[in-house]
Amino acid sequence: MSLRKKIGLLFIAAQFILIVYAKFVPERFFCWAPFDEHTFLDVDVEVNGKSLSKKEIEKRYRYKSLGWEPRSINNVFNIIRQYESTYGKNDNAKVTVKYSTNGNEERIWFLE
């Protein structure tokens, strides 16, 4: 078998492994597995006792604060956790994310 064919088969095998792996982890950053979750989310943030507007929240996290997320909701949680553990660690922020995945009942995620 030629080197090109071996590299091609290795590439296809790696992609298959990543798709299977992505089905069993909450985050799916580095694979092209199909988006099988659709989540409606609504983020609210309070910093030092002051509620932020939707625009302020979007500026803070550089991500939407209200709308549809076509990937795992854990991606949004990771964006918020990362910001609050670095840039916002001294802001005394209280974050609430209300979300509903695939039309199921609404859930609430907190970060204080």
N, C-alpha and C. Protein backbone atom coordinates (compact mmCIF):
# COMPACT_ATOMS: atom_id res chain seq x y z
N MET A 1 0.86 -1.18 0.00
CA MET A 1 0.00 0.00 0.00
C MET A 1 0.91 1.24 0.00
N SER A 2 0.54 2.21 -0.81
CA SER A 2 1.37 3.41 -0.92
C SER A 2 1.24 4.29 0.32
N LEU A 3 2.22 5.15 0.50
CA LEU A 3 2.23 6.07 1.64
C LEU A 3 1.01 6.99 1.62
N ARG A 4 0.62 7.45 0.44
CA ARG A 4 -0.57 8.33 0.32
C ARG A 4 -1.82 7.63 0.82
N LYS A 5 -2.01 6.39 0.44
CA LYS A 5 -3.19 5.65 0.88
C LYS A 5 -3.18 5.44 2.39
N LYS A 6 -2.01 5.15 2.94
CA LYS A 6 -1.89 4.96 4.40
C LYS A 6 -2.24 6.25 5.14
N ILE A 7 -1.74 7.37 4.64
CA ILE A 7 -2.06 8.66 5.26
C ILE A 7 -3.54 8.96 5.15
N GLY A 8 -4.13 8.69 3.99
CA GLY A 8 -5.57 8.91 3.79
C GLY A 8 -6.41 8.07 4.73
N LEU A 9 -6.07 6.79 4.86
CA LEU A 9 -6.81 5.90 5.76
C LEU A 9 -6.63 6.32 7.21
N LEU A 10 -5.41 6.73 7.57
CA LEU A 10 -5.17 7.22 8.92
C LEU A 10 -6.01 8.46 9.23
N PHE A 11 -6.12 9.37 8.27
CA PHE A 11 -6.92 10.58 8.44
C PHE A 11 -8.40 10.22 8.64
N ILE A 12 -8.92 9.34 7.81
CA ILE A 12 -10.33 8.94 7.93
C ILE A 12 -10.57 8.23 9.26
N ALA A 13 -9.66 7.36 9.67
CA ALA A 13 -9.80 6.67 10.95
C ALA A 13 -9.78 7.65 12.12
N ALA A 14 -8.90 8.65 12.05
CA ALA A 14 -8.84 9.67 13.11
C ALA A 14 -10.14 10.44 13.19
N GLN A 15 -10.72 10.80 12.06
CA GLN A 15 -11.99 11.52 12.06
C GLN A 15 -13.10 10.68 12.67
N PHE A 16 -13.14 9.41 12.33
CA PHE A 16 -14.15 8.51 12.89
C PHE A 16 -14.00 8.42 14.41
N ILE A 17 -12.79 8.26 14.88
CA ILE A 17 -12.53 8.18 16.33
C ILE A 17 -12.97 9.46 17.03
N LEU A 18 -12.69 10.62 16.43
CA LEU A 18 -13.09 11.89 17.04
C LEU A 18 -14.60 12.05 17.09
N ILE A 19 -15.30 11.59 16.07
CA ILE A 19 -16.77 11.66 16.08
C ILE A 19 -17.33 10.80 17.20
N VAL A 20 -16.84 9.58 17.33
CA VAL A 20 -17.31 8.69 18.40
C VAL A 20 -16.96 9.29 19.77
N TYR A 21 -15.75 9.79 19.92
CA TYR A 21 -15.32 10.41 21.18
C TYR A 21 -16.23 11.59 21.55
N ALA A 22 -16.58 12.41 20.57
CA ALA A 22 -17.40 13.60 20.83
C ALA A 22 -18.78 13.25 21.35
N LYS A 23 -19.27 12.09 21.04
CA LYS A 23 -20.59 11.69 21.53
C LYS A 23 -20.61 11.41 23.03
N PHE A 24 -19.42 11.28 23.64
CA PHE A 24 -19.35 10.90 25.04
C PHE A 24 -18.71 11.95 25.94
N VAL A 25 -18.46 13.14 25.43
CA VAL A 25 -17.91 14.23 26.24
C VAL A 25 -18.82 15.44 26.11
N PRO A 26 -18.90 16.28 27.15
CA PRO A 26 -19.81 17.43 27.09
C PRO A 26 -19.37 18.50 26.10
N GLU A 27 -18.07 18.72 25.95
CA GLU A 27 -17.58 19.73 25.01
C GLU A 27 -17.22 19.05 23.70
N ARG A 28 -17.41 19.77 22.61
CA ARG A 28 -17.12 19.20 21.30
C ARG A 28 -16.37 20.21 20.45
N PHE A 29 -15.28 20.74 20.97
CA PHE A 29 -14.57 21.81 20.28
C PHE A 29 -13.86 21.35 19.02
N PHE A 30 -13.15 20.24 19.05
CA PHE A 30 -12.22 19.91 17.99
C PHE A 30 -12.64 18.73 17.13
N CYS A 31 -13.90 18.59 16.89
CA CYS A 31 -14.33 17.57 15.94
C CYS A 31 -15.54 18.08 15.19
N TRP A 32 -15.81 17.47 14.07
CA TRP A 32 -16.92 17.94 13.26
C TRP A 32 -18.13 17.02 13.38
N ALA A 33 -18.32 16.48 14.57
CA ALA A 33 -19.49 15.65 14.80
C ALA A 33 -20.74 16.50 14.57
N PRO A 34 -21.78 15.90 14.05
CA PRO A 34 -23.01 16.67 13.78
C PRO A 34 -23.55 17.34 15.04
N PHE A 35 -24.09 18.54 14.85
CA PHE A 35 -24.71 19.26 15.96
C PHE A 35 -26.05 18.59 16.25
N ASP A 36 -26.10 17.81 17.30
CA ASP A 36 -27.33 17.09 17.60
C ASP A 36 -28.08 17.70 18.78
N GLU A 37 -27.63 18.86 19.24
CA GLU A 37 -28.32 19.56 20.32
C GLU A 37 -28.60 20.99 19.88
N HIS A 38 -29.78 21.46 20.21
CA HIS A 38 -30.13 22.85 19.97
C HIS A 38 -30.68 23.40 21.27
N THR A 39 -30.00 24.41 21.78
CA THR A 39 -30.34 24.92 23.11
C THR A 39 -30.70 26.39 23.02
N PHE A 40 -31.84 26.74 23.63
CA PHE A 40 -32.20 28.14 23.79
C PHE A 40 -31.65 28.58 25.14
N LEU A 41 -30.92 29.70 25.15
CA LEU A 41 -30.31 30.15 26.40
C LEU A 41 -30.62 31.61 26.67
N ASP A 42 -30.59 31.93 27.97
CA ASP A 42 -30.80 33.30 28.44
C ASP A 42 -29.86 33.50 29.63
N VAL A 43 -28.85 34.37 29.43
CA VAL A 43 -27.82 34.60 30.44
C VAL A 43 -28.11 35.90 31.18
N ASP A 44 -28.07 35.85 32.51
CA ASP A 44 -28.19 37.03 33.36
C ASP A 44 -26.96 37.10 34.25
N VAL A 45 -26.43 38.32 34.41
CA VAL A 45 -25.22 38.51 35.22
C VAL A 45 -25.42 39.70 36.14
N GLU A 46 -24.98 39.52 37.37
CA GLU A 46 -24.97 40.59 38.36
C GLU A 46 -23.52 40.77 38.82
N VAL A 47 -23.00 41.99 38.69
CA VAL A 47 -21.63 42.27 39.10
C VAL A 47 -21.66 43.31 40.20
N ASN A 48 -21.14 42.94 41.36
CA ASN A 48 -21.13 43.83 42.53
C ASN A 48 -22.51 44.40 42.81
N GLY A 49 -23.54 43.56 42.68
CA GLY A 49 -24.90 43.97 42.98
C GLY A 49 -25.64 44.68 41.86
N LYS A 50 -24.98 44.93 40.72
CA LYS A 50 -25.61 45.62 39.59
C LYS A 50 -25.89 44.62 38.47
N SER A 51 -27.15 44.57 38.02
CA SER A 51 -27.51 43.69 36.91
C SER A 51 -27.00 44.28 35.61
N LEU A 52 -26.38 43.45 34.80
CA LEU A 52 -25.87 43.89 33.50
C LEU A 52 -26.95 43.74 32.43
N SER A 53 -26.92 44.65 31.46
CA SER A 53 -27.84 44.55 30.33
C SER A 53 -27.36 43.43 29.41
N LYS A 54 -28.20 43.02 28.47
CA LYS A 54 -27.83 41.97 27.52
C LYS A 54 -26.60 42.39 26.72
N LYS A 55 -26.54 43.66 26.33
CA LYS A 55 -25.38 44.17 25.57
C LYS A 55 -24.11 44.10 26.42
N GLU A 56 -24.21 44.46 27.69
CA GLU A 56 -23.05 44.41 28.59
C GLU A 56 -22.58 42.96 28.79
N ILE A 57 -23.52 42.04 28.87
CA ILE A 57 -23.17 40.63 29.03
C ILE A 57 -22.45 40.13 27.78
N GLU A 58 -22.97 40.49 26.61
CA GLU A 58 -22.34 40.08 25.35
C GLU A 58 -20.94 40.66 25.23
N LYS A 59 -20.76 41.89 25.67
CA LYS A 59 -19.43 42.51 25.63
C LYS A 59 -18.50 41.81 26.62
N ARG A 60 -19.02 41.44 27.78
CA ARG A 60 -18.21 40.81 28.82
C ARG A 60 -17.67 39.46 28.35
N TYR A 61 -18.53 38.63 27.79
CA TYR A 61 -18.12 37.28 27.40
C TYR A 61 -17.78 37.14 25.92
N ARG A 62 -18.06 38.20 25.15
CA ARG A 62 -17.87 38.16 23.70
C ARG A 62 -18.64 36.99 23.10
N TYR A 63 -19.86 36.85 23.61
CA TYR A 63 -20.75 35.78 23.14
C TYR A 63 -22.18 36.20 23.41
N LYS A 64 -23.11 35.61 22.71
CA LYS A 64 -24.52 35.99 22.86
C LYS A 64 -25.03 35.73 24.27
N SER A 65 -25.99 36.56 24.68
CA SER A 65 -26.57 36.40 26.00
C SER A 65 -28.01 35.88 25.94
N LEU A 66 -28.55 35.84 24.73
CA LEU A 66 -29.92 35.38 24.54
C LEU A 66 -30.01 34.81 23.13
N GLY A 67 -30.53 33.59 23.01
CA GLY A 67 -30.69 33.03 21.67
C GLY A 67 -30.41 31.55 21.62
N TRP A 68 -30.18 31.07 20.41
CA TRP A 68 -29.97 29.65 20.16
C TRP A 68 -28.50 29.29 20.12
N GLU A 69 -28.15 28.19 20.73
CA GLU A 69 -26.80 27.64 20.70
C GLU A 69 -26.89 26.28 20.00
N PRO A 70 -26.26 26.14 18.83
CA PRO A 70 -26.38 24.88 18.10
C PRO A 70 -25.45 23.78 18.60
N ARG A 71 -24.55 24.11 19.49
CA ARG A 71 -23.61 23.12 20.01
C ARG A 71 -23.98 22.78 21.45
N SER A 72 -23.15 22.04 22.10
CA SER A 72 -23.38 21.66 23.49
C SER A 72 -23.42 22.91 24.37
N ILE A 73 -24.36 22.97 25.30
CA ILE A 73 -24.47 24.11 26.23
C ILE A 73 -23.21 24.21 27.09
N ASN A 74 -22.48 23.12 27.22
CA ASN A 74 -21.24 23.14 28.00
C ASN A 74 -20.21 24.08 27.39
N ASN A 75 -20.29 24.34 26.10
CA ASN A 75 -19.39 25.32 25.49
C ASN A 75 -19.63 26.71 26.08
N VAL A 76 -20.89 27.06 26.28
CA VAL A 76 -21.24 28.36 26.88
C VAL A 76 -20.77 28.40 28.33
N PHE A 77 -21.01 27.34 29.07
CA PHE A 77 -20.57 27.29 30.46
C PHE A 77 -19.05 27.47 30.55
N ASN A 78 -18.32 26.87 29.64
CA ASN A 78 -16.86 26.99 29.65
C ASN A 78 -16.41 28.41 29.35
N ILE A 79 -17.09 29.10 28.43
CA ILE A 79 -16.76 30.49 28.12
C ILE A 79 -16.93 31.35 29.37
N ILE A 80 -18.05 31.15 30.07
CA ILE A 80 -18.33 31.93 31.28
C ILE A 80 -17.34 31.59 32.39
N ARG A 81 -17.11 30.30 32.64
CA ARG A 81 -16.16 29.89 33.68
C ARG A 81 -14.77 30.46 33.43
N GLN A 82 -14.33 30.40 32.18
CA GLN A 82 -12.99 30.87 31.85
C GLN A 82 -12.87 32.37 32.13
N TYR A 83 -13.87 33.14 31.72
CA TYR A 83 -13.83 34.58 31.95
C TYR A 83 -13.84 34.88 33.45
N GLU A 84 -14.74 34.25 34.17
CA GLU A 84 -14.90 34.55 35.59
C GLU A 84 -13.73 34.06 36.44
N SER A 85 -12.98 33.09 35.95
CA SER A 85 -11.81 32.62 36.71
C SER A 85 -10.54 33.40 36.36
N THR A 86 -10.62 34.26 35.35
CA THR A 86 -9.44 35.06 34.96
C THR A 86 -9.76 36.54 35.06
N TYR A 87 -10.26 37.11 33.99
CA TYR A 87 -10.51 38.56 33.93
C TYR A 87 -11.51 39.04 34.98
N GLY A 88 -12.53 38.26 35.25
CA GLY A 88 -13.57 38.70 36.16
C GLY A 88 -13.49 38.14 37.56
N LYS A 89 -12.34 37.60 37.94
CA LYS A 89 -12.27 36.91 39.23
C LYS A 89 -12.47 37.83 40.43
N ASN A 90 -12.28 39.12 40.27
CA ASN A 90 -12.47 40.06 41.39
C ASN A 90 -13.76 40.85 41.28
N ASP A 91 -14.65 40.45 40.38
CA ASP A 91 -15.88 41.23 40.13
C ASP A 91 -17.07 40.80 40.99
N ASN A 92 -16.94 39.75 41.77
CA ASN A 92 -18.07 39.24 42.56
C ASN A 92 -19.29 39.01 41.69
N ALA A 93 -19.09 38.36 40.55
CA ALA A 93 -20.19 38.14 39.60
C ALA A 93 -21.04 36.95 40.00
N LYS A 94 -22.33 37.10 39.78
CA LYS A 94 -23.29 36.01 39.94
C LYS A 94 -23.92 35.80 38.57
N VAL A 95 -23.71 34.62 38.02
CA VAL A 95 -24.19 34.32 36.67
C VAL A 95 -25.29 33.28 36.75
N THR A 96 -26.36 33.53 36.01
CA THR A 96 -27.46 32.57 35.90
C THR A 96 -27.72 32.34 34.42
N VAL A 97 -27.71 31.08 34.03
CA VAL A 97 -28.04 30.72 32.65
C VAL A 97 -29.28 29.85 32.69
N LYS A 98 -30.35 30.35 32.08
CA LYS A 98 -31.56 29.56 31.93
C LYS A 98 -31.48 28.96 30.52
N TYR A 99 -31.69 27.66 30.41
CA TYR A 99 -31.55 27.04 29.10
C TYR A 99 -32.49 25.84 28.95
N SER A 100 -32.82 25.56 27.72
CA SER A 100 -33.66 24.42 27.38
C SER A 100 -33.05 23.76 26.15
N THR A 101 -32.70 22.49 26.28
CA THR A 101 -32.06 21.75 25.19
C THR A 101 -33.06 20.84 24.50
N ASN A 102 -33.12 20.95 23.19
CA ASN A 102 -34.00 20.12 22.35
C ASN A 102 -35.46 20.17 22.80
N GLY A 103 -35.91 21.32 23.28
CA GLY A 103 -37.30 21.50 23.67
C GLY A 103 -37.67 20.87 25.00
N ASN A 104 -36.70 20.37 25.73
CA ASN A 104 -36.98 19.77 27.04
C ASN A 104 -37.22 20.87 28.07
N GLU A 105 -37.52 20.47 29.30
CA GLU A 105 -37.83 21.44 30.34
C GLU A 105 -36.64 22.38 30.59
N GLU A 106 -36.97 23.59 31.02
CA GLU A 106 -35.95 24.59 31.29
C GLU A 106 -35.12 24.19 32.50
N ARG A 107 -33.82 24.42 32.39
CA ARG A 107 -32.90 24.17 33.50
C ARG A 107 -32.20 25.48 33.82
N ILE A 108 -31.59 25.53 34.99
CA ILE A 108 -30.87 26.74 35.42
C ILE A 108 -29.47 26.31 35.88
N TRP A 109 -28.48 27.06 35.38
CA TRP A 109 -27.08 26.84 35.77
C TRP A 109 -26.60 28.10 36.46
N PHE A 110 -25.93 27.94 37.61
CA PHE A 110 -25.45 29.09 38.39
C PHE A 110 -23.93 29.07 38.47
N LEU A 111 -23.37 30.26 38.56
CA LEU A 111 -21.95 30.41 38.86
C LEU A 111 -21.82 31.63 39.76
N GLU A 112 -21.27 31.42 40.93
CA GLU A 112 -21.07 32.54 41.87
C GLU A 112 -19.63 32.62 42.26
